[in-house]
Amino acid sequence: MYPRDTHGCHMPIKLKTTLTLVGHSLRCVIPKPVCEELHLEEGDQLSVDLRGGRIILERLKPKIAV
C-alpha cells in the first residue's frame, strides 16, 4: 500500500497482524486496507512461497474454462 504524502510521493505502510490457531494450522488475517488496495476477495487463491526468511503471498490467476 503506497498512499501519497503531501508532496505526491508514495509512502509504504506497514500493518501488523496476529497468527491464530485453527485446528493444527495457524491463520494469518490480511488487514482490510491491504485487501482493498490489492482487490483481494474471499475465495481468491494465493500461492505461499518462502524466500530469504520471508513469506511471499501471490494471487493465483484463475483458470479460464474452455
PDB file of N, CA and C in Angstrom:
ATOM      1  N   MET A   1       0.849  -1.163   0.000  1.00  0.00           N
ATOM      2  CA  MET A   1       0.000   0.000   0.000  1.00  0.00           C
ATOM      3  C   MET A   1       0.897   1.230   0.000  1.00  0.00           C
ATOM      4  N   TYR A   2       0.663   2.118  -0.918  1.00  0.00           N
ATOM      5  CA  TYR A   2       1.508   3.284  -1.039  1.00  0.00           C
ATOM      6  C   TYR A   2       0.664   4.547  -1.179  1.00  0.00           C
ATOM      7  N   PRO A   3       0.145   5.065  -0.081  1.00  0.00           N
ATOM      8  CA  PRO A   3      -0.589   6.331  -0.178  1.00  0.00           C
ATOM      9  C   PRO A   3       0.376   7.468  -0.487  1.00  0.00           C
ATOM     10  N   ARG A   4      -0.147   8.548  -0.992  1.00  0.00           N
ATOM     11  CA  ARG A   4       0.703   9.691  -1.339  1.00  0.00           C
ATOM     12  C   ARG A   4       0.842  10.617  -0.131  1.00  0.00           C
ATOM     13  N   ASP A   5       2.043  11.170   0.031  1.00  0.00           N
ATOM     14  CA  ASP A   5       2.236  12.167   1.072  1.00  0.00           C
ATOM     15  C   ASP A   5       1.852  13.532   0.499  1.00  0.00           C
ATOM     16  N   THR A   6       2.121  14.589   1.245  1.00  0.00           N
ATOM     17  CA  THR A   6       1.712  15.928   0.802  1.00  0.00           C
ATOM     18  C   THR A   6       2.468  16.406  -0.430  1.00  0.00           C
ATOM     19  N   HIS A   7       3.575  15.730  -0.783  1.00  0.00           N
ATOM     20  CA  HIS A   7       4.353  16.117  -1.962  1.00  0.00           C
ATOM     21  C   HIS A   7       4.081  15.208  -3.154  1.00  0.00           C
ATOM     22  N   GLY A   8       3.102  14.302  -3.029  1.00  0.00           N
ATOM     23  CA  GLY A   8       2.755  13.420  -4.131  1.00  0.00           C
ATOM     24  C   GLY A   8       3.608  12.171  -4.229  1.00  0.00           C
ATOM     25  N   CYS A   9       4.504  11.942  -3.256  1.00  0.00           N
ATOM     26  CA  CYS A   9       5.355  10.747  -3.266  1.00  0.00           C
ATOM     27  C   CYS A   9       4.632   9.591  -2.581  1.00  0.00           C
ATOM     28  N   HIS A  10       4.888   8.377  -3.044  1.00  0.00           N
ATOM     29  CA  HIS A  10       4.290   7.200  -2.423  1.00  0.00           C
ATOM     30  C   HIS A  10       5.075   6.817  -1.175  1.00  0.00           C
ATOM     31  N   MET A  11       4.341   6.507  -0.091  1.00  0.00           N
ATOM     32  CA  MET A  11       4.959   6.102   1.164  1.00  0.00           C
ATOM     33  C   MET A  11       4.413   4.730   1.560  1.00  0.00           C
ATOM     34  N   PRO A  12       5.289   3.734   1.793  1.00  0.00           N
ATOM     35  CA  PRO A  12       4.797   2.413   2.185  1.00  0.00           C
ATOM     36  C   PRO A  12       4.181   2.440   3.579  1.00  0.00           C
ATOM     37  N   ILE A  13       3.182   1.588   3.785  1.00  0.00           N
ATOM     38  CA  ILE A  13       2.533   1.445   5.088  1.00  0.00           C
ATOM     39  C   ILE A  13       2.789   0.035   5.578  1.00  0.00           C
ATOM     40  N   LYS A  14       3.144  -0.097   6.844  1.00  0.00           N
ATOM     41  CA  LYS A  14       3.302  -1.414   7.449  1.00  0.00           C
ATOM     42  C   LYS A  14       2.156  -1.613   8.431  1.00  0.00           C
ATOM     43  N   LEU A  15       1.504  -2.759   8.345  1.00  0.00           N
ATOM     44  CA  LEU A  15       0.429  -3.108   9.259  1.00  0.00           C
ATOM     45  C   LEU A  15       0.808  -4.384   9.985  1.00  0.00           C
ATOM     46  N   LYS A  16       0.273  -4.567  11.179  1.00  0.00           N
ATOM     47  CA  LYS A  16       0.540  -5.782  11.945  1.00  0.00           C
ATOM     48  C   LYS A  16      -0.667  -6.697  11.886  1.00  0.00           C
ATOM     49  N   THR A  17      -0.399  -7.992  11.980  1.00  0.00           N
ATOM     50  CA  THR A  17      -1.459  -8.984  12.077  1.00  0.00           C
ATOM     51  C   THR A  17      -0.985 -10.051  13.053  1.00  0.00           C
ATOM     52  N   THR A  18      -1.899 -10.819  13.601  1.00  0.00           N
ATOM     53  CA  THR A  18      -1.578 -11.839  14.593  1.00  0.00           C
ATOM     54  C   THR A  18      -1.967 -13.207  14.071  1.00  0.00           C
ATOM     55  N   LEU A  19      -1.127 -14.192  14.323  1.00  0.00           N
ATOM     56  CA  LEU A  19      -1.442 -15.567  13.949  1.00  0.00           C
ATOM     57  C   LEU A  19      -2.380 -16.163  14.989  1.00  0.00           C
ATOM     58  N   THR A  20      -3.375 -16.912  14.525  1.00  0.00           N
ATOM     59  CA  THR A  20      -4.302 -17.599  15.422  1.00  0.00           C
ATOM     60  C   THR A  20      -4.325 -19.077  15.066  1.00  0.00           C
ATOM     61  N   LEU A  21      -4.518 -19.910  16.072  1.00  0.00           N
ATOM     62  CA  LEU A  21      -4.550 -21.348  15.874  1.00  0.00           C
ATOM     63  C   LEU A  21      -5.926 -21.776  15.384  1.00  0.00           C
ATOM     64  N   VAL A  22      -5.951 -22.539  14.283  1.00  0.00           N
ATOM     65  CA  VAL A  22      -7.185 -23.093  13.725  1.00  0.00           C
ATOM     66  C   VAL A  22      -6.897 -24.561  13.447  1.00  0.00           C
ATOM     67  N   GLY A  23      -7.428 -25.454  14.283  1.00  0.00           N
ATOM     68  CA  GLY A  23      -7.110 -26.877  14.145  1.00  0.00           C
ATOM     69  C   GLY A  23      -5.634 -27.086  14.396  1.00  0.00           C
ATOM     70  N   HIS A  24      -4.932 -27.656  13.411  1.00  0.00           N
ATOM     71  CA  HIS A  24      -3.492 -27.883  13.529  1.00  0.00           C
ATOM     72  C   HIS A  24      -2.691 -26.888  12.696  1.00  0.00           C
ATOM     73  N   SER A  25      -3.325 -25.810  12.263  1.00  0.00           N
ATOM     74  CA  SER A  25      -2.663 -24.808  11.420  1.00  0.00           C
ATOM     75  C   SER A  25      -2.743 -23.437  12.072  1.00  0.00           C
ATOM     76  N   LEU A  26      -1.934 -22.520  11.577  1.00  0.00           N
ATOM     77  CA  LEU A  26      -2.010 -21.129  12.001  1.00  0.00           C
ATOM     78  C   LEU A  26      -2.636 -20.306  10.889  1.00  0.00           C
ATOM     79  N   ARG A  27      -3.475 -19.363  11.266  1.00  0.00           N
ATOM     80  CA  ARG A  27      -4.143 -18.494  10.295  1.00  0.00           C
ATOM     81  C   ARG A  27      -3.607 -17.079  10.459  1.00  0.00           C
ATOM     82  N   CYS A  28      -3.360 -16.438   9.335  1.00  0.00           N
ATOM     83  CA  CYS A  28      -2.929 -15.044   9.298  1.00  0.00           C
ATOM     84  C   CYS A  28      -4.033 -14.251   8.601  1.00  0.00           C
ATOM     85  N   VAL A  29      -4.546 -13.240   9.258  1.00  0.00           N
ATOM     86  CA  VAL A  29      -5.597 -12.413   8.667  1.00  0.00           C
ATOM     87  C   VAL A  29      -4.950 -11.251   7.924  1.00  0.00           C
ATOM     88  N   ILE A  30      -5.340 -11.063   6.671  1.00  0.00           N
ATOM     89  CA  ILE A  30      -4.835  -9.941   5.880  1.00  0.00           C
ATOM     90  C   ILE A  30      -5.735  -8.743   6.179  1.00  0.00           C
ATOM     91  N   PRO A  31      -5.169  -7.645   6.690  1.00  0.00           N
ATOM     92  CA  PRO A  31      -5.986  -6.487   7.053  1.00  0.00           C
ATOM     93  C   PRO A  31      -6.800  -5.954   5.866  1.00  0.00           C
ATOM     94  N   LYS A  32      -7.993  -5.464   6.177  1.00  0.00           N
ATOM     95  CA  LYS A  32      -8.922  -4.983   5.152  1.00  0.00           C
ATOM     96  C   LYS A  32      -8.303  -3.942   4.212  1.00  0.00           C
ATOM     97  N   PRO A  33      -7.534  -2.948   4.713  1.00  0.00           N
ATOM     98  CA  PRO A  33      -6.946  -1.970   3.783  1.00  0.00           C
ATOM     99  C   PRO A  33      -6.034  -2.614   2.739  1.00  0.00           C
ATOM    100  N   VAL A  34      -5.335  -3.686   3.117  1.00  0.00           N
ATOM    101  CA  VAL A  34      -4.471  -4.394   2.168  1.00  0.00           C
ATOM    102  C   VAL A  34      -5.327  -5.097   1.122  1.00  0.00           C
ATOM    103  N   CYS A  35      -6.390  -5.772   1.576  1.00  0.00           N
ATOM    104  CA  CYS A  35      -7.296  -6.462   0.641  1.00  0.00           C
ATOM    105  C   CYS A  35      -7.913  -5.481  -0.348  1.00  0.00           C
ATOM    106  N   GLU A  36      -8.309  -4.320   0.155  1.00  0.00           N
ATOM    107  CA  GLU A  36      -8.914  -3.315  -0.727  1.00  0.00           C
ATOM    108  C   GLU A  36      -7.902  -2.797  -1.743  1.00  0.00           C
ATOM    109  N   GLU A  37      -6.685  -2.520  -1.293  1.00  0.00           N
ATOM    110  CA  GLU A  37      -5.643  -1.997  -2.185  1.00  0.00           C
ATOM    111  C   GLU A  37      -5.304  -2.993  -3.289  1.00  0.00           C
ATOM    112  N   LEU A  38      -5.288  -4.292  -2.936  1.00  0.00           N
ATOM    113  CA  LEU A  38      -4.901  -5.338  -3.888  1.00  0.00           C
ATOM    114  C   LEU A  38      -6.095  -6.022  -4.540  1.00  0.00           C
ATOM    115  N   HIS A  39      -7.301  -5.570  -4.213  1.00  0.00           N
ATOM    116  CA  HIS A  39      -8.538  -6.131  -4.759  1.00  0.00           C
ATOM    117  C   HIS A  39      -8.647  -7.630  -4.469  1.00  0.00           C
ATOM    118  N   LEU A  40      -8.266  -8.034  -3.253  1.00  0.00           N
ATOM    119  CA  LEU A  40      -8.401  -9.428  -2.833  1.00  0.00           C
ATOM    120  C   LEU A  40      -9.813  -9.652  -2.314  1.00  0.00           C
ATOM    121  N   GLU A  41     -10.372 -10.796  -2.650  1.00  0.00           N
ATOM    122  CA  GLU A  41     -11.729 -11.127  -2.215  1.00  0.00           C
ATOM    123  C   GLU A  41     -11.761 -12.542  -1.656  1.00  0.00           C
ATOM    124  N   GLU A  42     -12.777 -12.813  -0.854  1.00  0.00           N
ATOM    125  CA  GLU A  42     -12.971 -14.157  -0.326  1.00  0.00           C
ATOM    126  C   GLU A  42     -13.033 -15.146  -1.485  1.00  0.00           C
ATOM    127  N   GLY A  43     -12.323 -16.250  -1.354  1.00  0.00           N
ATOM    128  CA  GLY A  43     -12.306 -17.264  -2.400  1.00  0.00           C
ATOM    129  C   GLY A  43     -11.120 -17.148  -3.344  1.00  0.00           C
ATOM    130  N   ASP A  44     -10.421 -15.999  -3.351  1.00  0.00           N
ATOM    131  CA  ASP A  44      -9.216 -15.871  -4.180  1.00  0.00           C
ATOM    132  C   ASP A  44      -8.188 -16.892  -3.707  1.00  0.00           C
ATOM    133  N   GLN A  45      -7.461 -17.484  -4.644  1.00  0.00           N
ATOM    134  CA  GLN A  45      -6.414 -18.436  -4.294  1.00  0.00           C
ATOM    135  C   GLN A  45      -5.066 -17.737  -4.320  1.00  0.00           C
ATOM    136  N   LEU A  46      -4.246 -18.037  -3.304  1.00  0.00           N
ATOM    137  CA  LEU A  46      -2.924 -17.443  -3.185  1.00  0.00           C
ATOM    138  C   LEU A  46      -1.872 -18.537  -3.139  1.00  0.00           C
ATOM    139  N   SER A  47      -0.703 -18.262  -3.714  1.00  0.00           N
ATOM    140  CA  SER A  47       0.433 -19.169  -3.537  1.00  0.00           C
ATOM    141  C   SER A  47       1.242 -18.641  -2.356  1.00  0.00           C
ATOM    142  N   VAL A  48       1.868 -19.553  -1.617  1.00  0.00           N
ATOM    143  CA  VAL A  48       2.689 -19.195  -0.465  1.00  0.00           C
ATOM    144  C   VAL A  48       4.112 -19.652  -0.758  1.00  0.00           C
ATOM    145  N   ASP A  49       5.049 -18.715  -0.810  1.00  0.00           N
ATOM    146  CA  ASP A  49       6.458 -19.021  -1.061  1.00  0.00           C
ATOM    147  C   ASP A  49       7.294 -18.508   0.106  1.00  0.00           C
ATOM    148  N   LEU A  50       8.377 -19.205   0.382  1.00  0.00           N
ATOM    149  CA  LEU A  50       9.341 -18.762   1.386  1.00  0.00           C
ATOM    150  C   LEU A  50      10.605 -18.339   0.660  1.00  0.00           C
ATOM    151  N   ARG A  51      11.017 -17.086   0.860  1.00  0.00           N
ATOM    152  CA  ARG A  51      12.214 -16.554   0.190  1.00  0.00           C
ATOM    153  C   ARG A  51      13.019 -15.728   1.190  1.00  0.00           C
ATOM    154  N   GLY A  52      14.217 -16.168   1.459  1.00  0.00           N
ATOM    155  CA  GLY A  52      15.096 -15.391   2.340  1.00  0.00           C
ATOM    156  C   GLY A  52      14.498 -15.121   3.705  1.00  0.00           C
ATOM    157  N   GLY A  53      13.790 -16.083   4.274  1.00  0.00           N
ATOM    158  CA  GLY A  53      13.187 -15.903   5.591  1.00  0.00           C
ATOM    159  C   GLY A  53      11.911 -15.080   5.584  1.00  0.00           C
ATOM    160  N   ARG A  54      11.365 -14.814   4.407  1.00  0.00           N
ATOM    161  CA  ARG A  54      10.115 -14.049   4.286  1.00  0.00           C
ATOM    162  C   ARG A  54       9.023 -14.919   3.694  1.00  0.00           C
ATOM    163  N   ILE A  55       7.797 -14.606   4.044  1.00  0.00           N
ATOM    164  CA  ILE A  55       6.632 -15.283   3.470  1.00  0.00           C
ATOM    165  C   ILE A  55       6.108 -14.390   2.352  1.00  0.00           C
ATOM    166  N   ILE A  56       6.005 -14.928   1.153  1.00  0.00           N
ATOM    167  CA  ILE A  56       5.518 -14.178  -0.006  1.00  0.00           C
ATOM    168  C   ILE A  56       4.183 -14.774  -0.437  1.00  0.00           C
ATOM    169  N   LEU A  57       3.141 -13.960  -0.435  1.00  0.00           N
ATOM    170  CA  LEU A  57       1.824 -14.381  -0.913  1.00  0.00           C
ATOM    171  C   LEU A  57       1.573 -13.736  -2.266  1.00  0.00           C
ATOM    172  N   GLU A  58       1.151 -14.538  -3.228  1.00  0.00           N
ATOM    173  CA  GLU A  58       0.811 -14.010  -4.551  1.00  0.00           C
ATOM    174  C   GLU A  58      -0.513 -14.612  -4.995  1.00  0.00           C
ATOM    175  N   ARG A  59      -1.359 -13.768  -5.572  1.00  0.00           N
ATOM    176  CA  ARG A  59      -2.646 -14.254  -6.064  1.00  0.00           C
ATOM    177  C   ARG A  59      -2.420 -15.126  -7.283  1.00  0.00           C
ATOM    178  N   LEU A  60      -3.086 -16.277  -7.304  1.00  0.00           N
ATOM    179  CA  LEU A  60      -3.047 -17.148  -8.471  1.00  0.00           C
ATOM    180  C   LEU A  60      -4.080 -16.666  -9.467  1.00  0.00           C
ATOM    181  N   LYS A  61      -3.720 -16.694 -10.728  1.00  0.00           N
ATOM    182  CA  LYS A  61      -4.674 -16.299 -11.761  1.00  0.00           C
ATOM    183  C   LYS A  61      -5.691 -17.418 -11.927  1.00  0.00           C
ATOM    184  N   PRO A  62      -6.975 -17.075 -11.989  1.00  0.00           N
ATOM    185  CA  PRO A  62      -7.987 -18.125 -12.162  1.00  0.00           C
ATOM    186  C   PRO A  62      -7.843 -18.808 -13.513  1.00  0.00           C
ATOM    187  N   LYS A  63      -8.121 -20.116 -13.529  1.00  0.00           N
ATOM    188  CA  LYS A  63      -8.077 -20.856 -14.788  1.00  0.00           C
ATOM    189  C   LYS A  63      -9.292 -20.487 -15.617  1.00  0.00           C
ATOM    190  N   ILE A  64      -9.068 -20.311 -16.900  1.00  0.00           N
ATOM    191  CA  ILE A  64     -10.156 -19.960 -17.814  1.00  0.00           C
ATOM    192  C   ILE A  64     -10.751 -21.248 -18.356  1.00  0.00           C
ATOM    193  N   ALA A  65     -12.058 -21.399 -18.190  1.00  0.00           N
ATOM    194  CA  ALA A  65     -12.739 -22.600 -18.692  1.00  0.00           C
ATOM    195  C   ALA A  65     -12.795 -22.559 -20.209  1.00  0.00           C
ATOM    196  N   VAL A  66     -12.513 -23.699 -20.833  1.00  0.00           N
ATOM    197  CA  VAL A  66     -12.522 -23.776 -22.296  1.00  0.00           C
ATOM    198  C   VAL A  66     -13.708 -24.581 -22.747  1.00  0.00           C
TER     199      VAL A  66
END
